[in-house]
Amino acid sequence: MKTGEARGIYSSVLKSYNEQKFKLSKQREELKERMESTPDGKTRYADEAATLELKYNAVAEKQDEYQNYVNQLMAQWEGKFNSVVAKQQGEAAKDYGEEMGKIMTVARRLMHGDQVPMQDEKKLMEYDKDLYIMAKNAGMMARLEKRKKYDSLWEDEEKKEHEDPMEAADAEEAFTAGPEVVSVESVMEAAAGETESES
């Protein structure tokens, strides 16, 4: 199962367990008030209180199991996401360094009065208009000497596709299969069945 898929499934399961745990907690409070306000309430509602407590504990235990798995899953997801982002940042820094080297080379060639392709001049002008003007002016003075002609520094470039870190993290296989998904109702029924078998 992919981590993105597992996150969706277990987030939904956790939501239903959280809602049910809240309802059971509210029922426990209401029952406690009834027990305190009714004469002989502790004995009268003892079975109901025991069943309610078993259901609450069963739901809480299963919720903790799912939450632990989701926490581990999220740690794995974040690790993959961060590794893809770090790789892309490294590539971007490398590309930026190469781009700056090319821009400075074009500026230097123009300053020497050499002939460079128009697209290279355009790249320099887009990067820094003042540097371009300065290089062209210096080149005008240097034109009295013999000029060299260069090929473009950007001709062999191709557009790079970048991996989406979120998609990569979602698509990674989950580190382990998650706990079996059991509906909150089944957990409560099993807990209530334990009380009946004890009586």
Protein backbone atom coordinates (compact mmCIF):
# COMPACT_ATOMS: atom_id res chain seq x y z
CA MET A 1 0.00 0.00 0.00
CA LYS A 2 1.30 3.45 -0.88
CA THR A 3 1.83 5.95 1.94
CA GLY A 4 -0.62 8.44 0.45
CA GLU A 5 -3.31 5.78 0.28
CA ALA A 6 -2.58 4.56 3.82
CA ARG A 7 -2.68 8.13 5.17
CA GLY A 8 -6.15 8.61 3.70
CA ILE A 9 -7.50 5.33 5.05
CA TYR A 10 -6.12 5.66 8.56
CA SER A 11 -6.99 9.36 8.87
CA SER A 12 -10.61 8.47 8.15
CA VAL A 13 -10.52 5.57 10.63
CA LEU A 14 -8.98 7.79 13.31
CA LYS A 15 -11.66 10.40 12.77
CA SER A 16 -14.44 7.87 13.42
CA TYR A 17 -12.65 6.60 16.54
CA ASN A 18 -12.16 10.14 17.85
CA GLU A 19 -15.84 10.92 17.34
CA GLN A 20 -16.95 7.72 19.06
CA LYS A 21 -14.53 8.21 21.94
CA PHE A 22 -15.95 11.70 22.46
CA LYS A 23 -19.53 10.33 22.47
CA LEU A 24 -18.62 7.60 24.94
CA SER A 25 -16.88 10.10 27.19
CA LYS A 26 -19.99 12.27 27.16
CA GLN A 27 -22.16 9.23 27.97
CA ARG A 28 -19.86 8.36 30.89
CA GLU A 29 -20.24 11.88 32.31
CA GLU A 30 -24.03 11.77 31.94
CA LEU A 31 -24.18 8.32 33.59
CA LYS A 32 -21.94 9.53 36.42
CA GLU A 33 -24.34 12.44 37.05
CA ARG A 34 -27.32 10.04 37.05
CA MET A 35 -25.55 7.70 39.44
CA GLU A 36 -24.84 10.57 41.85
CA SER A 37 -28.30 12.11 41.61
CA THR A 38 -30.30 8.86 41.90
CA PRO A 39 -30.73 7.15 45.25
CA ASP A 40 -28.87 3.85 45.16
CA GLY A 41 -27.59 4.94 41.68
CA LYS A 42 -24.22 3.26 41.96
CA THR A 43 -25.78 -0.18 42.26
CA ARG A 44 -28.64 0.52 39.91
CA TYR A 45 -26.36 1.66 37.05
CA ALA A 46 -23.32 -0.52 37.85
CA ASP A 47 -23.75 -2.86 34.85
CA GLU A 48 -24.33 0.01 32.45
CA ALA A 49 -21.27 1.84 33.82
CA ALA A 50 -19.11 -1.29 33.48
CA THR A 51 -20.21 -1.85 29.87
CA LEU A 52 -19.66 1.80 29.01
CA GLU A 53 -16.18 1.72 30.59
CA LEU A 54 -15.24 -1.42 28.62
CA LYS A 55 -16.42 0.15 25.37
CA TYR A 56 -14.53 3.37 26.07
CA ASN A 57 -11.30 1.51 26.93
CA ALA A 58 -11.57 -0.75 23.86
CA VAL A 59 -12.11 2.22 21.55
CA ALA A 60 -9.26 4.18 23.19
CA GLU A 61 -6.87 1.21 22.90
CA LYS A 62 -7.65 0.66 19.22
CA GLN A 63 -7.42 4.41 18.56
CA ASP A 64 -3.93 4.47 20.13
CA GLU A 65 -2.87 1.57 17.90
CA TYR A 66 -4.01 3.41 14.78
CA GLN A 67 -2.48 6.70 15.95
CA ASN A 68 0.92 5.05 16.51
CA TYR A 69 0.83 3.60 13.00
CA VAL A 70 -0.16 6.96 11.50
CA ASN A 71 2.69 8.68 13.38
CA GLN A 72 5.20 6.19 11.93
CA LEU A 73 3.66 6.54 8.48
CA MET A 74 3.91 10.33 8.65
CA ALA A 75 7.56 10.11 9.70
CA GLN A 76 8.24 7.96 6.63
CA TRP A 77 6.24 10.32 4.38
CA GLU A 78 8.07 13.40 5.69
CA GLY A 79 11.42 11.68 5.21
CA LYS A 80 10.71 10.97 1.54
CA PHE A 81 9.27 14.46 0.99
CA ASN A 82 12.32 16.10 2.58
CA SER A 83 14.79 13.97 0.60
CA VAL A 84 13.13 14.92 -2.71
CA VAL A 85 13.09 18.62 -1.75
CA ALA A 86 16.75 18.52 -0.65
CA LYS A 87 17.75 16.84 -3.93
CA GLN A 88 15.86 19.47 -5.93
CA GLN A 89 17.41 22.30 -3.94
CA GLY A 90 20.87 20.86 -4.56
CA GLU A 91 20.17 20.60 -8.28
CA ALA A 92 18.77 24.14 -8.33
CA ALA A 93 21.88 25.50 -6.59
CA LYS A 94 24.11 23.65 -9.05
CA ASP A 95 22.07 24.92 -12.02
CA TYR A 96 22.22 28.46 -10.63
CA GLY A 97 26.01 28.23 -10.29
CA GLU A 98 26.35 27.00 -13.86
CA GLU A 99 24.01 29.74 -15.10
CA MET A 100 26.04 32.41 -13.30
CA GLY A 101 29.26 31.02 -14.79
CA LYS A 102 27.80 31.29 -18.28
CA ILE A 103 26.51 34.82 -17.70
CA MET A 104 29.90 36.00 -16.44
CA THR A 105 31.63 34.31 -19.40
CA VAL A 106 29.33 36.11 -21.85
CA ALA A 107 30.00 39.45 -20.07
CA ARG A 108 33.75 38.85 -20.18
CA ARG A 109 33.63 37.96 -23.90
CA LEU A 110 31.59 41.06 -24.69
CA MET A 111 34.05 43.21 -22.70
CA HIS A 112 36.87 41.85 -24.87
CA GLY A 113 34.93 42.92 -27.95
CA ASP A 114 34.29 39.34 -29.05
CA GLN A 115 31.20 38.29 -30.97
CA VAL A 116 28.65 36.18 -29.08
CA PRO A 117 25.23 34.90 -30.26
CA MET A 118 22.27 37.23 -29.76
CA GLN A 119 20.53 34.75 -27.44
CA ASP A 120 23.56 34.87 -25.11
CA GLU A 121 23.49 38.67 -25.11
CA LYS A 122 19.77 38.53 -24.37
CA LYS A 123 20.36 36.19 -21.39
CA LEU A 124 22.95 38.62 -20.00
CA MET A 125 20.63 41.58 -20.52
CA GLU A 126 17.73 39.74 -18.78
CA TYR A 127 19.98 38.90 -15.85
CA ASP A 128 21.49 42.38 -15.36
CA LYS A 129 20.88 45.24 -17.77
CA ASP A 130 23.64 47.40 -16.23
CA LEU A 131 26.25 44.63 -16.54
CA TYR A 132 25.19 44.13 -20.17
CA ILE A 133 25.57 47.84 -20.98
CA MET A 134 28.93 47.98 -19.22
CA ALA A 135 30.16 44.90 -21.13
CA LYS A 136 28.96 46.28 -24.48
CA ASN A 137 30.65 49.65 -23.83
CA ALA A 138 33.91 47.98 -22.86
CA GLY A 139 33.61 45.79 -25.93
CA MET A 140 33.25 48.83 -28.22
CA MET A 141 36.63 50.05 -27.05
CA ALA A 142 38.20 46.62 -27.45
CA ARG A 143 36.88 46.18 -31.03
CA LEU A 144 39.94 47.82 -32.41
CA GLU A 145 41.70 44.50 -31.86
CA LYS A 146 40.82 41.24 -33.63
CA ARG A 147 37.51 39.80 -32.32
CA LYS A 148 36.72 36.15 -31.61
CA LYS A 149 33.40 34.54 -32.48
CA TYR A 150 31.76 32.10 -30.02
CA ASP A 151 28.90 29.60 -30.13
CA SER A 152 26.05 29.96 -27.64
CA LEU A 153 26.60 28.65 -24.16
CA TRP A 154 22.89 27.75 -23.80
CA GLU A 155 22.30 25.78 -27.02
CA ASP A 156 22.59 22.31 -25.51
CA GLU A 157 20.25 22.98 -22.59
CA GLU A 158 17.06 21.01 -22.17
CA LYS A 159 14.19 21.68 -19.83
CA LYS A 160 14.41 19.57 -16.66
CA GLU A 161 11.38 17.87 -15.20
CA HIS A 162 11.21 18.17 -11.43
CA GLU A 163 9.61 15.52 -9.27
CA ASP A 164 6.77 16.70 -7.05
CA PRO A 165 7.88 15.94 -3.46
CA MET A 166 4.30 15.38 -2.25
CA GLU A 167 3.56 12.93 -5.08
CA ALA A 168 6.84 11.11 -4.44
CA ALA A 169 6.10 10.82 -0.73
CA ASP A 170 2.53 9.65 -1.38
CA ALA A 171 3.69 7.07 -3.95
CA GLU A 172 6.29 5.43 -1.70
CA GLU A 173 5.40 2.01 -0.35
CA ALA A 174 4.38 2.11 3.30
CA PHE A 175 7.13 0.73 5.55
CA THR A 176 4.80 -1.96 6.85
CA ALA A 177 1.20 -3.02 6.51
CA GLY A 178 -0.98 -1.12 8.96
CA PRO A 179 -3.09 -2.68 11.64
CA GLU A 180 -6.31 -4.30 10.48
CA VAL A 181 -9.05 -1.71 10.06
CA VAL A 182 -11.88 -2.57 12.43
CA SER A 183 -14.96 -0.39 12.64
CA VAL A 184 -15.48 1.40 15.92
CA GLU A 185 -18.90 -0.25 16.19
CA SER A 186 -17.31 -3.73 16.05
CA VAL A 187 -14.87 -2.81 18.81
CA MET A 188 -17.70 -1.55 21.03
CA GLU A 189 -19.81 -4.68 20.33
CA ALA A 190 -16.88 -6.92 21.23
CA ALA A 191 -16.32 -4.96 24.45
CA ALA A 192 -20.05 -5.16 25.33
CA GLY A 193 -19.98 -8.89 24.59
CA GLU A 194 -17.19 -9.32 27.17
CA THR A 195 -19.44 -7.82 29.85
CA GLU A 196 -22.34 -10.09 29.00
CA SER A 197 -20.14 -13.19 29.06
CA GLU A 198 -18.77 -12.19 32.48
CA SER A 199 -22.27 -11.92 34.01
